[in-house]
Amino acid sequence: MPRFRRPEMSLLLLLILFSGPLFQTRALRVGINYGQIANNLPNPTRVVSILQSLNISKVKLYDADPNVLTAFANSEIEFIIGISNDNIVNMVDPTKAQAWIKQNVQPYIPQTRVTCITVGNEILTGNDTTMITNLLPAMQSVHQALVTLGLDKQVNVSTAHSVGILGDSYPPSSGSFSPQLAGYIQPLINFHSEVKSPFLINAYPFFAYKDDPKSIPLEYVLFEPNSGVTDPNTNLTYDNMLYAQIDSVYSAIKAMGHTDVDVKISETGWPSKGDPDEVGATIQNAQLYNGNLLQRIAMNQGTPMKPNVPVDVYVFALFNEDLKPGPASERNYGLFYPDGQPVYSIGNDQSFQGVYLSSSPSTKIQVKSNFLGLAIAAVMLTLI
């Protein structure tokens, strides 16, 4: 591809971003997890351009990185920021909770749109009983600090759970939380209801397929055409596992006496590479999972149990992260390599058809994919 001078590059970027009908309407209801367990990622200022080119309006961090929050000032991108697991016990102390808010939230508002704080990640499915017992008190303390500082109307408080908190997930209408965790989850749900904050779930159909590929149809976990699974209690048919998991959580919350708590997917994704025993971890499957999911989100589609409530999802993740421990899949969930190159293009549905771009009389760049395919071309131009 020829290299452009800056003025030409900027003009072409604008043409790309505003030529398609999707970009003339609204940002897609999708967020992205911006993990940073890597030593080769672009600086946050560059990431601002990437996300704006992707038309993504929501970002989830696992910390409160001041470099990121400063870089995204006046970007109109909403942020979920995180309090780390090892800081939960400290947050029980109201003085320490308020100090954390003053240092990590207050200086950046309103220029950076921080809308939610997650207190820990997947605490209830861990083995640390001290963190488990202190999770809700820490959340309450952080919320009270926001109230004291007059920020509670702008910023809510939650925590992200693994789907492992479910005891029963099938059929979705019979979803229930693990009996061993019910005593902790009931007061958590009461808290969410009281402060009007979302119940966050990290859901990965990949794990279910990897563990039992002979019993679980690949098409069912990838949103591909399939006969689906019918809930015998409601006669609702599910054509994908993620939506069944979401409705299982709604059912479990309802069983605890609440229908006023929203469920949001704080993480979901599919790895493009894995170890030999990680069945299904391929570029093709990652492309299908994320592409099909984004098409569903673009249609404002709800689950069978909540058809009028659009699914709210944060895709995992923006970049491959080379320093993450664990199996190879952990380092290969990104939509992008750290140098800004896409790991794969997403989707080929005609409703997301892009445009044809001409970079010179002799060189043509064809962009035939969905909104991310179109945006990826724009991103690549910003990285030249």
Protein backbone atom coordinates (compact mmCIF):
# COMPACT_ATOMS: atom_id res chain seq x y z
CA MET A 1 0.00 0.00 0.00
CA PRO A 2 1.41 3.44 -0.89
CA ARG A 3 2.20 5.77 2.02
CA PHE A 4 0.11 8.94 2.30
CA ARG A 5 1.15 12.39 3.38
CA ARG A 6 -0.68 13.56 6.51
CA PRO A 7 -3.23 15.92 4.83
CA GLU A 8 -4.23 13.30 2.28
CA MET A 9 -4.43 10.63 4.95
CA SER A 10 -6.72 12.76 7.14
CA LEU A 11 -9.05 13.55 4.27
CA LEU A 12 -9.30 9.92 3.24
CA LEU A 13 -9.96 8.91 6.83
CA LEU A 14 -12.88 11.33 7.02
CA LEU A 15 -14.28 10.00 3.75
CA ILE A 16 -14.09 6.47 5.10
CA LEU A 17 -15.77 7.28 8.38
CA PHE A 18 -18.70 9.20 6.93
CA SER A 19 -19.37 7.43 3.62
CA GLY A 20 -21.34 4.44 4.93
CA PRO A 21 -24.93 4.68 6.21
CA LEU A 22 -24.04 2.91 9.44
CA PHE A 23 -21.53 5.61 10.33
CA GLN A 24 -24.07 8.34 9.60
CA THR A 25 -26.53 7.05 12.17
CA ARG A 26 -25.15 5.99 15.54
CA ALA A 27 -22.42 4.15 17.33
CA LEU A 28 -23.02 0.45 17.78
CA ARG A 29 -24.14 -0.73 21.21
CA VAL A 30 -20.91 -2.58 21.84
CA GLY A 31 -18.06 -2.05 24.22
CA ILE A 32 -14.51 -3.37 24.17
CA ASN A 33 -12.24 -4.66 26.92
CA TYR A 34 -8.95 -2.79 26.83
CA GLY A 35 -6.49 -5.09 28.60
CA GLN A 36 -2.87 -4.07 28.99
CA ILE A 37 -0.99 -7.17 30.16
CA ALA A 38 1.57 -6.73 27.40
CA ASN A 39 4.86 -4.97 26.72
CA ASN A 40 4.23 -3.96 23.13
CA LEU A 41 0.92 -2.07 23.01
CA PRO A 42 0.44 1.30 21.28
CA ASN A 43 0.24 4.35 23.50
CA PRO A 44 -3.24 5.36 24.74
CA THR A 45 -3.39 8.37 22.43
CA ARG A 46 -3.12 6.03 19.44
CA VAL A 47 -5.79 3.79 20.96
CA VAL A 48 -8.20 6.74 21.07
CA SER A 49 -7.96 6.99 17.28
CA ILE A 50 -8.42 3.25 16.86
CA LEU A 51 -11.59 3.12 18.95
CA GLN A 52 -13.09 6.22 17.38
CA SER A 53 -12.44 4.72 13.95
CA LEU A 54 -14.18 1.53 15.06
CA ASN A 55 -17.18 3.61 16.15
CA ILE A 56 -16.99 2.00 19.58
CA SER A 57 -18.42 4.18 22.35
CA LYS A 58 -17.70 2.10 25.47
CA VAL A 59 -14.48 0.79 27.00
CA LYS A 60 -13.82 -1.40 30.00
CA LEU A 61 -10.50 -1.17 31.85
CA TYR A 62 -9.26 -3.48 34.57
CA ASP A 63 -7.72 -0.61 36.51
CA ALA A 64 -7.84 3.18 36.51
CA ASP A 65 -4.77 3.89 34.39
CA PRO A 66 -4.26 7.68 34.50
CA ASN A 67 -2.54 7.67 31.11
CA VAL A 68 -5.59 6.10 29.50
CA LEU A 69 -8.13 8.28 31.30
CA THR A 70 -6.19 11.41 30.37
CA ALA A 71 -5.76 10.37 26.74
CA PHE A 72 -9.50 9.79 26.34
CA ALA A 73 -10.53 13.21 27.67
CA ASN A 74 -13.24 14.80 25.48
CA SER A 75 -13.52 11.64 23.38
CA GLU A 76 -17.16 10.95 24.38
CA ILE A 77 -16.21 7.32 25.03
CA GLU A 78 -17.74 5.86 28.21
CA PHE A 79 -15.49 4.01 30.65
CA ILE A 80 -15.88 1.22 33.13
CA ILE A 81 -12.82 1.31 35.38
CA GLY A 82 -11.73 -1.31 37.88
CA ILE A 83 -10.56 -1.71 41.44
CA SER A 84 -8.21 -4.68 41.55
CA ASN A 85 -8.96 -7.83 43.52
CA ASP A 86 -6.08 -7.23 45.90
CA ASN A 87 -7.47 -3.81 46.80
CA ILE A 88 -10.94 -4.99 47.83
CA VAL A 89 -10.23 -5.28 51.56
CA ASN A 90 -8.85 -1.73 51.61
CA MET A 91 -12.03 -0.40 50.01
CA VAL A 92 -14.11 -1.50 53.00
CA ASP A 93 -12.57 1.45 54.87
CA PRO A 94 -14.68 4.51 53.90
CA THR A 95 -11.64 6.79 54.16
CA LYS A 96 -9.63 4.65 51.74
CA ALA A 97 -12.58 4.28 49.37
CA GLN A 98 -13.06 8.04 49.24
CA ALA A 99 -9.32 8.57 48.72
CA TRP A 100 -9.40 6.12 45.79
CA ILE A 101 -12.29 7.99 44.17
CA LYS A 102 -10.55 11.34 44.68
CA GLN A 103 -7.40 10.03 43.02
CA ASN A 104 -8.79 7.83 40.25
CA VAL A 105 -12.19 9.24 39.30
CA GLN A 106 -12.77 12.81 40.40
CA PRO A 107 -9.84 14.41 38.51
CA TYR A 108 -11.01 13.02 35.16
CA ILE A 109 -14.73 13.84 35.28
CA PRO A 110 -16.40 15.25 33.25
CA GLN A 111 -13.75 15.38 30.51
CA THR A 112 -13.48 11.58 30.58
CA ARG A 113 -16.83 9.83 30.88
CA VAL A 114 -16.36 7.36 33.72
CA THR A 115 -19.77 5.70 34.21
CA CYS A 116 -19.06 2.58 36.28
CA ILE A 117 -16.54 1.18 38.76
CA THR A 118 -16.10 -2.58 39.05
CA VAL A 119 -14.95 -3.71 42.48
CA GLY A 120 -12.93 -6.84 41.69
CA ASN A 121 -13.31 -9.45 38.97
CA GLU A 122 -14.76 -12.97 39.36
CA ILE A 123 -14.33 -12.91 43.13
CA LEU A 124 -17.12 -15.34 44.05
CA THR A 125 -15.69 -18.18 41.97
CA GLY A 126 -12.26 -17.78 43.54
CA ASN A 127 -10.88 -19.37 46.69
CA ASP A 128 -10.12 -16.27 48.76
CA THR A 129 -12.80 -16.21 51.48
CA THR A 130 -11.55 -12.86 52.77
CA MET A 131 -12.18 -11.21 49.42
CA ILE A 132 -15.53 -12.98 49.08
CA THR A 133 -16.80 -11.79 52.45
CA ASN A 134 -15.52 -8.25 51.89
CA LEU A 135 -16.82 -7.83 48.34
CA LEU A 136 -20.23 -6.36 49.16
CA PRO A 137 -18.95 -4.13 52.02
CA ALA A 138 -16.32 -2.77 49.62
CA MET A 139 -18.94 -2.08 46.95
CA GLN A 140 -21.15 -0.32 49.50
CA SER A 141 -18.22 1.76 50.73
CA VAL A 142 -17.24 2.81 47.20
CA HIS A 143 -20.84 3.73 46.44
CA GLN A 144 -21.09 5.80 49.60
CA ALA A 145 -17.88 7.60 48.67
CA LEU A 146 -19.44 8.50 45.33
CA VAL A 147 -22.53 9.79 47.14
CA THR A 148 -20.41 11.88 49.50
CA LEU A 149 -18.52 13.41 46.58
CA GLY A 150 -21.67 14.00 44.55
CA LEU A 151 -20.70 11.56 41.80
CA ASP A 152 -23.24 8.76 42.34
CA LYS A 153 -25.59 10.06 39.62
CA GLN A 154 -22.78 9.79 37.05
CA VAL A 155 -20.92 6.70 38.24
CA ASN A 156 -22.40 3.40 39.46
CA VAL A 157 -20.77 0.46 41.21
CA SER A 158 -20.72 -3.19 40.22
CA THR A 159 -18.50 -6.27 40.09
CA ALA A 160 -17.98 -8.80 37.31
CA HIS A 161 -18.85 -12.47 37.81
CA SER A 162 -17.98 -15.65 35.97
CA VAL A 163 -20.93 -17.74 34.74
CA GLY A 164 -19.52 -20.25 37.22
CA ILE A 165 -21.70 -18.61 39.86
CA LEU A 166 -24.64 -20.44 38.28
CA GLY A 167 -25.61 -23.76 39.84
CA ASP A 168 -28.12 -24.59 37.09
CA SER A 169 -28.13 -22.98 33.67
CA TYR A 170 -30.38 -25.31 31.69
CA PRO A 171 -33.05 -24.79 30.76
CA PRO A 172 -32.64 -21.01 30.95
CA SER A 173 -35.98 -20.59 32.71
CA SER A 174 -34.65 -22.77 35.55
CA GLY A 175 -31.41 -20.85 35.98
CA SER A 176 -30.26 -20.56 39.58
CA PHE A 177 -27.15 -19.53 41.46
CA SER A 178 -24.88 -22.05 43.13
CA PRO A 179 -26.31 -22.91 46.58
CA GLN A 180 -22.85 -22.41 48.08
CA LEU A 181 -22.82 -18.81 46.81
CA ALA A 182 -26.47 -17.88 47.28
CA GLY A 183 -25.83 -16.33 50.69
CA TYR A 184 -23.38 -13.88 49.14
CA ILE A 185 -25.31 -13.22 45.93
CA GLN A 186 -28.69 -12.37 47.48
CA PRO A 187 -27.43 -9.25 49.28
CA LEU A 188 -25.42 -8.30 46.19
CA ILE A 189 -28.58 -8.36 44.09
CA ASN A 190 -30.39 -6.32 46.73
CA PHE A 191 -27.56 -3.77 46.45
CA HIS A 192 -27.85 -3.62 42.65
CA SER A 193 -31.59 -3.10 42.95
CA GLU A 194 -31.15 -0.34 45.50
CA VAL A 195 -28.51 1.68 43.65
CA LYS A 196 -29.72 0.83 40.11
CA SER A 197 -26.44 -0.67 38.90
CA PRO A 198 -26.04 -3.56 36.43
CA PHE A 199 -25.24 -7.19 37.24
CA LEU A 200 -22.14 -7.99 35.17
CA ILE A 201 -21.32 -11.43 33.78
CA ASN A 202 -18.23 -12.70 31.96
CA ALA A 203 -19.60 -15.32 29.55
CA TYR A 204 -17.51 -17.44 27.19
CA PRO A 205 -19.31 -20.13 25.18
CA PHE A 206 -15.82 -21.08 23.97
CA PHE A 207 -15.07 -22.71 27.32
CA ALA A 208 -18.20 -24.86 27.20
CA TYR A 209 -17.41 -25.98 23.66
CA LYS A 210 -13.73 -26.64 24.45
CA ASP A 211 -14.69 -28.85 27.39
CA ASP A 212 -17.32 -30.87 25.52
CA PRO A 213 -17.04 -30.46 21.73
CA LYS A 214 -18.78 -33.78 21.03
CA SER A 215 -22.00 -32.77 22.79
CA ILE A 216 -22.20 -29.05 21.99
CA PRO A 217 -22.77 -28.11 18.32
CA LEU A 218 -20.21 -25.62 17.10
CA GLU A 219 -22.91 -23.76 15.19
CA TYR A 220 -24.82 -23.21 18.44
CA VAL A 221 -21.94 -21.45 20.16
CA LEU A 222 -20.91 -19.43 17.08
CA PHE A 223 -24.34 -17.92 16.26
CA GLU A 224 -24.34 -19.90 13.03
CA PRO A 225 -27.60 -21.37 11.59
CA ASN A 226 -28.77 -24.34 13.67
CA SER A 227 -31.98 -25.97 14.87
CA GLY A 228 -31.61 -24.43 18.31
CA VAL A 229 -32.60 -25.61 21.78
CA THR A 230 -36.14 -25.22 23.11
CA ASP A 231 -36.77 -24.45 26.77
CA PRO A 232 -39.45 -26.99 27.79
CA ASN A 233 -40.89 -24.63 30.41
CA THR A 234 -41.39 -21.60 28.19
CA ASN A 235 -41.25 -23.05 24.66
CA LEU A 236 -38.72 -20.35 23.84
CA THR A 237 -36.08 -21.43 21.33
CA TYR A 238 -32.43 -20.48 21.68
CA ASP A 239 -30.18 -20.52 18.63
CA ASN A 240 -27.02 -19.60 20.55
CA MET A 241 -25.47 -20.34 23.92
CA LEU A 242 -24.66 -16.76 24.96
CA TYR A 243 -28.32 -15.69 24.95
CA ALA A 244 -29.24 -18.84 26.88
CA GLN A 245 -26.61 -17.95 29.49
CA ILE A 246 -27.93 -14.41 29.80
CA ASP A 247 -31.49 -15.63 30.35
CA SER A 248 -30.26 -18.19 32.88
CA VAL A 249 -28.83 -15.30 34.88
CA TYR A 250 -32.07 -13.35 34.61
CA SER A 251 -33.95 -16.42 35.88
CA ALA A 252 -31.53 -16.84 38.77
CA ILE A 253 -31.97 -13.19 39.74
CA LYS A 254 -35.74 -13.54 39.50
CA ALA A 255 -35.60 -16.58 41.78
CA MET A 256 -34.05 -14.26 44.37
CA GLY A 257 -37.01 -11.92 44.16
CA HIS A 258 -35.84 -9.30 41.67
CA THR A 259 -36.93 -8.36 38.16
CA ASP A 260 -35.47 -4.84 38.36
CA VAL A 261 -31.77 -5.63 37.84
CA ASP A 262 -30.22 -5.40 34.36
CA VAL A 263 -27.78 -8.09 33.19
CA LYS A 264 -24.86 -6.97 31.05
CA ILE A 265 -22.07 -9.02 29.51
CA SER A 266 -18.82 -7.49 30.76
CA GLU A 267 -16.68 -9.97 28.81
CA THR A 268 -17.24 -12.31 25.91
CA GLY A 269 -15.05 -13.35 23.04
CA TRP A 270 -13.33 -16.18 21.23
CA PRO A 271 -9.59 -16.87 20.92
CA SER A 272 -7.96 -16.99 17.49
CA LYS A 273 -5.25 -19.38 18.67
CA GLY A 274 -4.80 -21.90 21.46
CA ASP A 275 -2.84 -24.87 22.71
CA PRO A 276 -3.37 -28.25 20.99
CA ASP A 277 -5.95 -29.28 23.61
CA GLU A 278 -7.95 -26.04 23.25
CA VAL A 279 -10.48 -27.31 20.75
CA GLY A 280 -12.07 -24.62 18.61
CA ALA A 281 -9.49 -21.88 19.19
CA THR A 282 -9.02 -20.82 15.56
CA ILE A 283 -9.06 -17.62 13.56
CA GLN A 284 -12.09 -18.82 11.61
CA ASN A 285 -14.14 -19.49 14.75
CA ALA A 286 -13.10 -16.22 16.37
CA GLN A 287 -14.11 -14.38 13.21
CA LEU A 288 -17.50 -16.08 13.15
CA TYR A 289 -18.24 -15.64 16.85
CA ASN A 290 -17.41 -11.94 17.07
CA GLY A 291 -18.77 -11.12 13.62
CA ASN A 292 -22.10 -12.85 14.20
CA LEU A 293 -22.40 -11.37 17.69
CA LEU A 294 -21.84 -7.85 16.39
CA GLN A 295 -24.48 -8.36 13.73
CA ARG A 296 -26.98 -9.32 16.43
CA ILE A 297 -26.09 -6.27 18.49
CA ALA A 298 -26.48 -4.01 15.45
CA MET A 299 -30.07 -5.25 15.14
CA ASN A 300 -30.81 -4.20 18.76
CA GLN A 301 -31.79 -7.79 19.34
CA GLY A 302 -32.80 -9.02 22.78
CA THR A 303 -32.76 -12.52 24.21
CA PRO A 304 -35.81 -14.81 23.88
CA MET A 305 -36.80 -14.06 27.48
CA LYS A 306 -36.14 -10.31 27.13
CA PRO A 307 -36.83 -9.58 23.44
CA ASN A 308 -37.28 -5.84 23.99
CA VAL A 309 -34.06 -5.39 25.98
CA PRO A 310 -31.05 -5.08 23.62
CA VAL A 311 -28.10 -7.20 24.66
CA ASP A 312 -25.33 -5.07 26.18
CA VAL A 313 -21.90 -6.57 25.52
CA TYR A 314 -18.24 -5.77 26.05
CA VAL A 315 -16.15 -7.82 23.63
CA PHE A 316 -12.90 -9.29 24.88
CA ALA A 317 -10.54 -7.90 23.77
CA LEU A 318 -9.03 -5.02 21.83
CA PHE A 319 -5.46 -6.37 21.60
CA ASN A 320 -3.64 -9.66 21.93
CA GLU A 321 -1.74 -9.48 25.23
CA ASP A 322 1.61 -11.22 25.13
CA LEU A 323 2.31 -11.28 28.88
CA LYS A 324 -0.88 -12.94 30.06
CA PRO A 325 -0.22 -16.20 31.93
CA GLY A 326 -2.04 -19.46 31.27
CA PRO A 327 -2.81 -21.35 28.05
CA ALA A 328 -2.08 -19.88 24.63
CA SER A 329 -5.71 -18.80 24.19
CA GLU A 330 -5.30 -16.23 26.96
CA ARG A 331 -2.86 -14.29 24.78
CA ASN A 332 -4.96 -14.47 21.63
CA TYR A 333 -8.39 -12.95 22.21
CA GLY A 334 -7.59 -9.62 20.56
CA LEU A 335 -9.25 -8.15 17.51
CA PHE A 336 -5.90 -6.49 16.80
CA TYR A 337 -2.24 -7.28 17.07
CA PRO A 338 -0.35 -4.69 19.11
CA ASP A 339 0.96 -3.03 15.92
CA GLY A 340 -2.60 -2.19 14.90
CA GLN A 341 -2.96 -4.90 12.27
CA PRO A 342 -6.31 -6.73 12.50
CA VAL A 343 -6.07 -10.37 13.53
CA TYR A 344 -8.98 -11.01 11.16
CA SER A 345 -11.75 -9.05 9.44
CA ILE A 346 -15.20 -9.50 10.87
CA GLY A 347 -18.32 -10.42 8.98
CA ASN A 348 -19.55 -10.39 5.41
CA ASP A 349 -23.25 -9.66 5.85
CA GLN A 350 -24.51 -7.28 3.17
CA SER A 351 -26.18 -5.05 5.74
CA PHE A 352 -22.65 -4.12 6.82
CA GLN A 353 -21.32 -3.66 3.29
CA GLY A 354 -18.51 -1.17 3.10
CA VAL A 355 -17.31 0.95 0.22
CA TYR A 356 -14.57 0.75 -2.36
CA LEU A 357 -11.64 3.08 -1.77
CA SER A 358 -9.19 4.30 -4.36
CA SER A 359 -5.80 5.30 -2.96
CA SER A 360 -4.33 6.21 -6.35
CA PRO A 361 -5.13 5.67 -10.04
CA SER A 362 -3.07 2.49 -9.97
CA THR A 363 -3.85 1.12 -6.50
CA LYS A 364 -7.26 0.14 -5.20
CA ILE A 365 -8.15 -1.00 -1.72
CA GLN A 366 -11.30 -3.07 -1.59
CA VAL A 367 -13.18 -3.04 1.68
CA LYS A 368 -16.03 -5.53 1.48
CA SER A 369 -16.69 -6.45 5.09
CA ASN A 370 -18.94 -5.17 7.86
CA PHE A 371 -18.60 -2.05 9.96
CA LEU A 372 -15.39 -3.31 11.54
CA GLY A 373 -13.97 -4.20 8.14
CA LEU A 374 -14.64 -0.65 7.03
CA ALA A 375 -13.27 0.79 10.23
CA ILE A 376 -10.17 -1.38 10.14
CA ALA A 377 -9.19 0.32 6.89
CA ALA A 378 -9.51 3.64 8.66
CA VAL A 379 -7.49 2.41 11.61
CA MET A 380 -4.71 1.19 9.37
CA LEU A 381 -4.51 4.61 7.78
CA THR A 382 -4.07 6.23 11.19
CA LEU A 383 -1.21 3.87 11.91
CA ILE A 384 0.73 4.66 8.75
